[in-house]
Amino acid sequence: MDFKLIAAAIGILFVFIYAFGSGIWVSSSPGWYSTLNRPSWQPPSAFIGLIWPYNFAVLGIASYQVSRSLTRIENVTWLVFFGLSIAAALTWAYQFYVPHNFLYASLALTSAALLTLPMLLLTFRASLAMGLLLVPYQIWVAIAASLAWGYLAKN
């Protein structure tokens, strides 16, 4: 089987794992979340409801585009950083919503934000347009990491 097709399939599978995994923990205790003191820079819930579908769609498209445009080693590198960033983001979701450990959640989401930087650079290498489409994801993960630290400080 073609390596590029396998790389694209793995990237798209990662997107589904990311979306499904985060949804499990984020919805685990909705009443608890509404009692938290929120950082003043938190965007409205409607924005959050719009940015995640966009992010997941762009990540899926980027997985395909990167697999088609980059070398094998670049593909593997992109997938490794993507997988690690997903693991960190899912760690955030679990730590924040299940044991409510804001410190570990903040560290995990900061790690996710840092791990997405090499992905973004490689995506730009694959396609300028795809890189530009992925910039909002990078910005959102950085904002989300700052929010995690804000929740730690306020709660």
N, C-alpha and C. Protein backbone atom coordinates (compact mmCIF):
# COMPACT_ATOMS: atom_id res chain seq x y z
N MET A 1 0.84 -1.19 0.00
CA MET A 1 0.00 0.00 0.00
C MET A 1 0.89 1.25 0.00
N ASP A 2 0.41 2.28 -0.61
CA ASP A 2 1.13 3.54 -0.74
C ASP A 2 1.32 4.21 0.63
N PHE A 3 2.57 4.58 0.94
CA PHE A 3 2.88 5.22 2.23
C PHE A 3 2.07 6.50 2.43
N LYS A 4 1.95 7.31 1.39
CA LYS A 4 1.25 8.58 1.52
C LYS A 4 -0.23 8.37 1.85
N LEU A 5 -0.82 7.35 1.31
CA LEU A 5 -2.21 7.03 1.63
C LEU A 5 -2.34 6.58 3.09
N ILE A 6 -1.39 5.78 3.54
CA ILE A 6 -1.39 5.33 4.94
C ILE A 6 -1.20 6.53 5.87
N ALA A 7 -0.29 7.43 5.53
CA ALA A 7 -0.06 8.63 6.36
C ALA A 7 -1.32 9.48 6.43
N ALA A 8 -1.99 9.66 5.31
CA ALA A 8 -3.23 10.44 5.30
C ALA A 8 -4.29 9.77 6.18
N ALA A 9 -4.41 8.46 6.06
CA ALA A 9 -5.41 7.72 6.86
C ALA A 9 -5.10 7.83 8.35
N ILE A 10 -3.84 7.74 8.71
CA ILE A 10 -3.46 7.86 10.13
C ILE A 10 -3.79 9.26 10.63
N GLY A 11 -3.46 10.28 9.87
CA GLY A 11 -3.77 11.65 10.27
C GLY A 11 -5.25 11.87 10.47
N ILE A 12 -6.05 11.36 9.56
CA ILE A 12 -7.51 11.51 9.66
C ILE A 12 -8.04 10.71 10.84
N LEU A 13 -7.49 9.52 11.08
CA LEU A 13 -7.86 8.74 12.26
C LEU A 13 -7.54 9.51 13.54
N PHE A 14 -6.38 10.17 13.57
CA PHE A 14 -6.02 11.00 14.72
C PHE A 14 -7.07 12.09 14.98
N VAL A 15 -7.59 12.69 13.91
CA VAL A 15 -8.61 13.74 14.07
C VAL A 15 -9.86 13.15 14.73
N PHE A 16 -10.28 11.97 14.30
CA PHE A 16 -11.46 11.34 14.90
C PHE A 16 -11.21 10.98 16.37
N ILE A 17 -10.03 10.48 16.67
CA ILE A 17 -9.69 10.17 18.06
C ILE A 17 -9.72 11.44 18.90
N TYR A 18 -9.16 12.51 18.37
CA TYR A 18 -9.12 13.81 19.05
C TYR A 18 -10.54 14.31 19.33
N ALA A 19 -11.38 14.31 18.32
CA ALA A 19 -12.75 14.82 18.47
C ALA A 19 -13.54 13.95 19.44
N PHE A 20 -13.47 12.66 19.28
CA PHE A 20 -14.24 11.75 20.13
C PHE A 20 -13.71 11.77 21.56
N GLY A 21 -12.39 11.68 21.71
CA GLY A 21 -11.79 11.64 23.04
C GLY A 21 -12.06 12.88 23.86
N SER A 22 -11.92 14.04 23.23
CA SER A 22 -12.16 15.27 23.99
C SER A 22 -13.63 15.42 24.35
N GLY A 23 -14.51 14.97 23.46
CA GLY A 23 -15.94 15.06 23.73
C GLY A 23 -16.37 14.24 24.94
N ILE A 24 -15.71 13.13 25.17
CA ILE A 24 -16.06 12.28 26.32
C ILE A 24 -15.85 13.03 27.62
N TRP A 25 -14.68 13.60 27.80
CA TRP A 25 -14.36 14.22 29.09
C TRP A 25 -14.96 15.62 29.23
N VAL A 26 -15.04 16.35 28.14
CA VAL A 26 -15.57 17.72 28.22
C VAL A 26 -17.03 17.70 28.67
N SER A 27 -17.76 16.66 28.29
CA SER A 27 -19.18 16.59 28.66
C SER A 27 -19.41 15.81 29.95
N SER A 28 -18.35 15.47 30.67
CA SER A 28 -18.49 14.61 31.85
C SER A 28 -19.12 15.30 33.06
N SER A 29 -18.94 16.60 33.21
CA SER A 29 -19.54 17.28 34.37
C SER A 29 -19.88 18.72 34.02
N PRO A 30 -20.90 18.92 33.17
CA PRO A 30 -21.21 20.27 32.71
C PRO A 30 -21.66 21.22 33.83
N GLY A 31 -22.33 20.74 34.84
CA GLY A 31 -22.75 21.60 35.95
C GLY A 31 -21.57 22.17 36.70
N TRP A 32 -20.55 21.38 36.86
CA TRP A 32 -19.35 21.81 37.57
C TRP A 32 -18.68 22.97 36.84
N TYR A 33 -18.57 22.88 35.54
CA TYR A 33 -17.88 23.90 34.75
C TYR A 33 -18.55 25.27 34.91
N SER A 34 -19.85 25.29 34.98
CA SER A 34 -20.56 26.58 35.08
C SER A 34 -20.32 27.28 36.41
N THR A 35 -19.79 26.58 37.41
CA THR A 35 -19.52 27.19 38.71
C THR A 35 -18.14 27.83 38.80
N LEU A 36 -17.32 27.65 37.78
CA LEU A 36 -15.95 28.15 37.83
C LEU A 36 -15.86 29.65 37.60
N ASN A 37 -14.87 30.27 38.20
CA ASN A 37 -14.53 31.66 37.90
C ASN A 37 -13.74 31.67 36.61
N ARG A 38 -14.25 32.36 35.61
CA ARG A 38 -13.65 32.33 34.28
C ARG A 38 -12.68 33.49 34.08
N PRO A 39 -11.62 33.23 33.33
CA PRO A 39 -10.70 34.32 32.98
C PRO A 39 -11.44 35.36 32.13
N SER A 40 -11.07 36.61 32.29
CA SER A 40 -11.78 37.69 31.59
C SER A 40 -11.61 37.62 30.08
N TRP A 41 -10.57 36.95 29.59
CA TRP A 41 -10.32 36.89 28.16
C TRP A 41 -10.95 35.67 27.48
N GLN A 42 -11.78 34.92 28.21
CA GLN A 42 -12.41 33.75 27.60
C GLN A 42 -13.42 34.18 26.54
N PRO A 43 -13.30 33.62 25.34
CA PRO A 43 -14.27 33.94 24.29
C PRO A 43 -15.66 33.41 24.65
N PRO A 44 -16.69 33.94 24.02
CA PRO A 44 -18.04 33.43 24.27
C PRO A 44 -18.17 31.96 23.86
N SER A 45 -19.09 31.27 24.49
CA SER A 45 -19.31 29.85 24.20
C SER A 45 -19.62 29.62 22.72
N ALA A 46 -20.34 30.55 22.09
CA ALA A 46 -20.69 30.40 20.67
C ALA A 46 -19.43 30.33 19.81
N PHE A 47 -18.41 31.12 20.15
CA PHE A 47 -17.16 31.08 19.41
C PHE A 47 -16.50 29.72 19.56
N ILE A 48 -16.48 29.22 20.78
CA ILE A 48 -15.85 27.92 21.03
C ILE A 48 -16.59 26.83 20.26
N GLY A 49 -17.92 26.96 20.20
CA GLY A 49 -18.72 26.00 19.44
C GLY A 49 -18.46 26.04 17.94
N LEU A 50 -17.97 27.17 17.44
CA LEU A 50 -17.66 27.30 16.01
C LEU A 50 -16.21 26.92 15.70
N ILE A 51 -15.29 27.25 16.59
CA ILE A 51 -13.87 27.05 16.27
C ILE A 51 -13.49 25.58 16.24
N TRP A 52 -14.10 24.75 17.09
CA TRP A 52 -13.69 23.35 17.11
C TRP A 52 -14.09 22.59 15.86
N PRO A 53 -15.30 22.73 15.34
CA PRO A 53 -15.58 22.04 14.06
C PRO A 53 -14.64 22.51 12.95
N TYR A 54 -14.35 23.81 12.91
CA TYR A 54 -13.39 24.33 11.93
C TYR A 54 -12.03 23.66 12.13
N ASN A 55 -11.56 23.63 13.38
CA ASN A 55 -10.24 23.05 13.66
C ASN A 55 -10.18 21.59 13.23
N PHE A 56 -11.20 20.81 13.58
CA PHE A 56 -11.17 19.39 13.23
C PHE A 56 -11.20 19.20 11.71
N ALA A 57 -12.01 19.98 11.02
CA ALA A 57 -12.06 19.88 9.55
C ALA A 57 -10.72 20.24 8.93
N VAL A 58 -10.11 21.33 9.38
CA VAL A 58 -8.83 21.76 8.82
C VAL A 58 -7.73 20.75 9.15
N LEU A 59 -7.75 20.19 10.34
CA LEU A 59 -6.75 19.18 10.69
C LEU A 59 -6.87 17.95 9.79
N GLY A 60 -8.10 17.56 9.48
CA GLY A 60 -8.29 16.42 8.57
C GLY A 60 -7.79 16.72 7.17
N ILE A 61 -8.11 17.90 6.67
CA ILE A 61 -7.64 18.30 5.34
C ILE A 61 -6.12 18.44 5.33
N ALA A 62 -5.58 19.02 6.39
CA ALA A 62 -4.12 19.17 6.49
C ALA A 62 -3.44 17.81 6.50
N SER A 63 -4.03 16.85 7.19
CA SER A 63 -3.46 15.49 7.22
C SER A 63 -3.33 14.95 5.81
N TYR A 64 -4.34 15.16 4.99
CA TYR A 64 -4.29 14.70 3.61
C TYR A 64 -3.26 15.49 2.81
N GLN A 65 -3.30 16.81 2.91
CA GLN A 65 -2.40 17.66 2.14
C GLN A 65 -0.94 17.39 2.48
N VAL A 66 -0.64 17.28 3.75
CA VAL A 66 0.72 17.01 4.19
C VAL A 66 1.19 15.66 3.65
N SER A 67 0.31 14.66 3.74
CA SER A 67 0.70 13.32 3.28
C SER A 67 1.04 13.30 1.81
N ARG A 68 0.40 14.14 1.02
CA ARG A 68 0.61 14.19 -0.42
C ARG A 68 1.82 15.03 -0.82
N SER A 69 2.21 15.98 0.01
CA SER A 69 3.20 16.96 -0.41
C SER A 69 4.58 16.81 0.22
N LEU A 70 4.67 16.15 1.35
CA LEU A 70 5.94 16.09 2.07
C LEU A 70 6.64 14.75 1.87
N THR A 71 7.91 14.71 2.21
CA THR A 71 8.68 13.47 2.14
C THR A 71 8.21 12.51 3.24
N ARG A 72 8.68 11.30 3.15
CA ARG A 72 8.32 10.29 4.15
C ARG A 72 8.73 10.72 5.55
N ILE A 73 9.95 11.19 5.71
CA ILE A 73 10.42 11.60 7.05
C ILE A 73 9.63 12.80 7.55
N GLU A 74 9.30 13.72 6.67
CA GLU A 74 8.48 14.87 7.08
C GLU A 74 7.08 14.43 7.47
N ASN A 75 6.54 13.47 6.74
CA ASN A 75 5.22 12.93 7.09
C ASN A 75 5.24 12.28 8.46
N VAL A 76 6.24 11.46 8.68
CA VAL A 76 6.35 10.79 9.98
C VAL A 76 6.52 11.82 11.09
N THR A 77 7.35 12.82 10.85
CA THR A 77 7.56 13.87 11.84
C THR A 77 6.25 14.60 12.13
N TRP A 78 5.50 14.96 11.09
CA TRP A 78 4.22 15.65 11.26
C TRP A 78 3.27 14.79 12.08
N LEU A 79 3.19 13.49 11.74
CA LEU A 79 2.28 12.59 12.47
C LEU A 79 2.70 12.40 13.92
N VAL A 80 4.00 12.34 14.18
CA VAL A 80 4.47 12.18 15.57
C VAL A 80 4.08 13.42 16.38
N PHE A 81 4.35 14.60 15.84
CA PHE A 81 3.98 15.81 16.58
C PHE A 81 2.47 15.94 16.72
N PHE A 82 1.73 15.56 15.69
CA PHE A 82 0.27 15.60 15.76
C PHE A 82 -0.22 14.64 16.84
N GLY A 83 0.28 13.42 16.83
CA GLY A 83 -0.13 12.44 17.84
C GLY A 83 0.21 12.87 19.25
N LEU A 84 1.41 13.41 19.44
CA LEU A 84 1.80 13.89 20.77
C LEU A 84 0.95 15.10 21.20
N SER A 85 0.65 15.99 20.26
CA SER A 85 -0.19 17.14 20.63
C SER A 85 -1.60 16.70 20.99
N ILE A 86 -2.11 15.69 20.31
CA ILE A 86 -3.43 15.15 20.64
C ILE A 86 -3.39 14.51 22.03
N ALA A 87 -2.35 13.73 22.29
CA ALA A 87 -2.22 13.11 23.62
C ALA A 87 -2.19 14.19 24.70
N ALA A 88 -1.47 15.26 24.46
CA ALA A 88 -1.41 16.36 25.44
C ALA A 88 -2.76 17.04 25.58
N ALA A 89 -3.46 17.28 24.47
CA ALA A 89 -4.77 17.92 24.52
C ALA A 89 -5.79 17.04 25.23
N LEU A 90 -5.74 15.74 24.99
CA LEU A 90 -6.66 14.83 25.68
C LEU A 90 -6.32 14.72 27.16
N THR A 91 -5.04 14.83 27.48
CA THR A 91 -4.63 14.86 28.89
C THR A 91 -5.22 16.09 29.56
N TRP A 92 -5.17 17.23 28.86
CA TRP A 92 -5.81 18.44 29.39
C TRP A 92 -7.29 18.19 29.67
N ALA A 93 -8.01 17.66 28.68
CA ALA A 93 -9.46 17.44 28.84
C ALA A 93 -9.74 16.54 30.04
N TYR A 94 -8.96 15.48 30.17
CA TYR A 94 -9.16 14.58 31.30
C TYR A 94 -8.83 15.27 32.62
N GLN A 95 -7.66 15.89 32.71
CA GLN A 95 -7.24 16.52 33.96
C GLN A 95 -8.16 17.67 34.37
N PHE A 96 -8.63 18.43 33.41
CA PHE A 96 -9.49 19.57 33.71
C PHE A 96 -10.88 19.11 34.15
N TYR A 97 -11.47 18.18 33.42
CA TYR A 97 -12.88 17.83 33.64
C TYR A 97 -13.12 16.64 34.56
N VAL A 98 -12.14 15.78 34.76
CA VAL A 98 -12.40 14.60 35.60
C VAL A 98 -11.84 14.80 37.00
N PRO A 99 -10.52 14.80 37.21
CA PRO A 99 -10.07 15.05 38.59
C PRO A 99 -9.99 16.54 38.93
N HIS A 100 -10.25 17.42 37.91
CA HIS A 100 -10.21 18.88 38.10
C HIS A 100 -8.84 19.35 38.60
N ASN A 101 -7.80 18.79 38.02
CA ASN A 101 -6.44 19.19 38.36
C ASN A 101 -5.99 20.27 37.38
N PHE A 102 -6.17 21.51 37.78
CA PHE A 102 -5.90 22.63 36.88
C PHE A 102 -4.42 22.78 36.54
N LEU A 103 -3.54 22.43 37.47
CA LEU A 103 -2.11 22.54 37.18
C LEU A 103 -1.71 21.56 36.08
N TYR A 104 -2.06 20.30 36.22
CA TYR A 104 -1.70 19.32 35.20
C TYR A 104 -2.40 19.64 33.88
N ALA A 105 -3.63 20.12 33.96
CA ALA A 105 -4.35 20.50 32.75
C ALA A 105 -3.62 21.64 32.03
N SER A 106 -3.17 22.62 32.78
CA SER A 106 -2.46 23.76 32.18
C SER A 106 -1.14 23.32 31.55
N LEU A 107 -0.41 22.48 32.24
CA LEU A 107 0.85 21.98 31.69
C LEU A 107 0.61 21.17 30.41
N ALA A 108 -0.44 20.36 30.43
CA ALA A 108 -0.75 19.54 29.25
C ALA A 108 -1.12 20.40 28.05
N LEU A 109 -1.95 21.41 28.26
CA LEU A 109 -2.38 22.23 27.13
C LEU A 109 -1.25 23.13 26.63
N THR A 110 -0.38 23.56 27.51
CA THR A 110 0.80 24.31 27.07
C THR A 110 1.68 23.41 26.21
N SER A 111 1.82 22.17 26.63
CA SER A 111 2.59 21.20 25.82
C SER A 111 1.95 21.01 24.46
N ALA A 112 0.63 20.90 24.43
CA ALA A 112 -0.07 20.73 23.15
C ALA A 112 0.19 21.92 22.23
N ALA A 113 0.14 23.12 22.79
CA ALA A 113 0.39 24.32 21.99
C ALA A 113 1.80 24.32 21.42
N LEU A 114 2.77 23.92 22.21
CA LEU A 114 4.15 23.87 21.73
C LEU A 114 4.35 22.77 20.70
N LEU A 115 3.69 21.64 20.90
CA LEU A 115 3.84 20.52 19.97
C LEU A 115 3.21 20.79 18.60
N THR A 116 2.28 21.72 18.54
CA THR A 116 1.65 22.03 17.26
C THR A 116 2.51 22.96 16.40
N LEU A 117 3.50 23.60 16.99
CA LEU A 117 4.36 24.50 16.20
C LEU A 117 5.12 23.78 15.08
N PRO A 118 5.78 22.65 15.35
CA PRO A 118 6.43 21.94 14.24
C PRO A 118 5.43 21.47 13.19
N MET A 119 4.24 21.08 13.62
CA MET A 119 3.19 20.69 12.66
C MET A 119 2.87 21.85 11.73
N LEU A 120 2.70 23.01 12.32
CA LEU A 120 2.35 24.19 11.53
C LEU A 120 3.46 24.51 10.53
N LEU A 121 4.70 24.46 10.97
CA LEU A 121 5.82 24.74 10.06
C LEU A 121 5.86 23.74 8.90
N LEU A 122 5.66 22.46 9.21
CA LEU A 122 5.65 21.45 8.15
C LEU A 122 4.44 21.62 7.23
N THR A 123 3.33 22.04 7.79
CA THR A 123 2.15 22.26 6.96
C THR A 123 2.41 23.41 5.99
N PHE A 124 3.04 24.47 6.45
CA PHE A 124 3.41 25.56 5.55
C PHE A 124 4.35 25.07 4.45
N ARG A 125 5.22 24.16 4.80
CA ARG A 125 6.14 23.60 3.80
C ARG A 125 5.36 22.82 2.73
N ALA A 126 4.30 22.15 3.16
CA ALA A 126 3.48 21.39 2.22
C ALA A 126 2.63 22.29 1.34
N SER A 127 2.07 23.35 1.96
CA SER A 127 1.16 24.22 1.22
C SER A 127 0.98 25.53 1.99
N LEU A 128 1.25 26.63 1.32
CA LEU A 128 1.06 27.93 1.95
C LEU A 128 -0.41 28.12 2.36
N ALA A 129 -1.32 27.78 1.47
CA ALA A 129 -2.75 27.94 1.77
C ALA A 129 -3.16 27.08 2.96
N MET A 130 -2.70 25.83 2.99
CA MET A 130 -3.05 24.94 4.10
C MET A 130 -2.44 25.44 5.40
N GLY A 131 -1.23 25.94 5.34
CA GLY A 131 -0.60 26.50 6.53
C GLY A 131 -1.41 27.67 7.08
N LEU A 132 -1.85 28.54 6.17
CA LEU A 132 -2.67 29.69 6.60
C LEU A 132 -3.99 29.23 7.20
N LEU A 133 -4.58 28.18 6.64
CA LEU A 133 -5.83 27.66 7.19
C LEU A 133 -5.63 27.02 8.57
N LEU A 134 -4.42 26.56 8.84
CA LEU A 134 -4.12 25.92 10.13
C LEU A 134 -3.72 26.93 11.21
N VAL A 135 -3.40 28.15 10.82
CA VAL A 135 -3.00 29.17 11.80
C VAL A 135 -4.07 29.39 12.87
N PRO A 136 -5.38 29.46 12.54
CA PRO A 136 -6.37 29.63 13.62
C PRO A 136 -6.33 28.51 14.66
N TYR A 137 -6.01 27.29 14.24
CA TYR A 137 -5.88 26.20 15.20
C TYR A 137 -4.74 26.49 16.16
N GLN A 138 -3.60 26.89 15.62
CA GLN A 138 -2.45 27.21 16.47
C GLN A 138 -2.79 28.34 17.44
N ILE A 139 -3.44 29.37 16.93
CA ILE A 139 -3.83 30.49 17.78
C ILE A 139 -4.80 30.02 18.86
N TRP A 140 -5.77 29.19 18.46
CA TRP A 140 -6.76 28.72 19.44
C TRP A 140 -6.10 27.88 20.53
N VAL A 141 -5.20 26.99 20.16
CA VAL A 141 -4.55 26.15 21.18
C VAL A 141 -3.73 27.02 22.13
N ALA A 142 -3.09 28.06 21.62
CA ALA A 142 -2.33 28.98 22.48
C ALA A 142 -3.28 29.74 23.41
N ILE A 143 -4.40 30.22 22.89
CA ILE A 143 -5.39 30.91 23.73
C ILE A 143 -5.94 29.95 24.78
N ALA A 144 -6.25 28.74 24.35
CA ALA A 144 -6.78 27.74 25.29
C ALA A 144 -5.78 27.44 26.40
N ALA A 145 -4.50 27.38 26.05
CA ALA A 145 -3.47 27.16 27.09
C ALA A 145 -3.45 28.33 28.07
N SER A 146 -3.56 29.55 27.55
CA SER A 146 -3.58 30.70 28.45
C SER A 146 -4.83 30.67 29.33
N LEU A 147 -5.95 30.22 28.77
CA LEU A 147 -7.17 30.09 29.56
C LEU A 147 -7.01 29.04 30.67
N ALA A 148 -6.33 27.95 30.34
CA ALA A 148 -6.10 26.91 31.36
C ALA A 148 -5.33 27.50 32.54
N TRP A 149 -4.32 28.31 32.25
CA TRP A 149 -3.57 28.96 33.33
C TRP A 149 -4.45 29.96 34.06
N GLY A 150 -5.33 30.62 33.33
CA GLY A 150 -6.27 31.56 33.96
C GLY A 150 -7.22 30.85 34.91
N TYR A 151 -7.72 29.68 34.51
CA TYR A 151 -8.58 28.90 35.40
C TYR A 151 -7.81 28.44 36.64
N LEU A 152 -6.56 28.09 36.45
CA LEU A 152 -5.73 27.70 37.60
C LEU A 152 -5.61 28.86 38.58
N ALA A 153 -5.38 30.06 38.07
CA ALA A 153 -5.19 31.23 38.94
C ALA A 153 -6.47 31.64 39.63
N LYS A 154 -7.61 31.48 38.97
CA LYS A 154 -8.87 31.99 39.52
C LYS A 154 -9.66 30.96 40.32
N ASN A 155 -9.26 29.71 40.27
CA ASN A 155 -10.02 28.67 40.97
C ASN A 155 -9.08 27.87 41.85
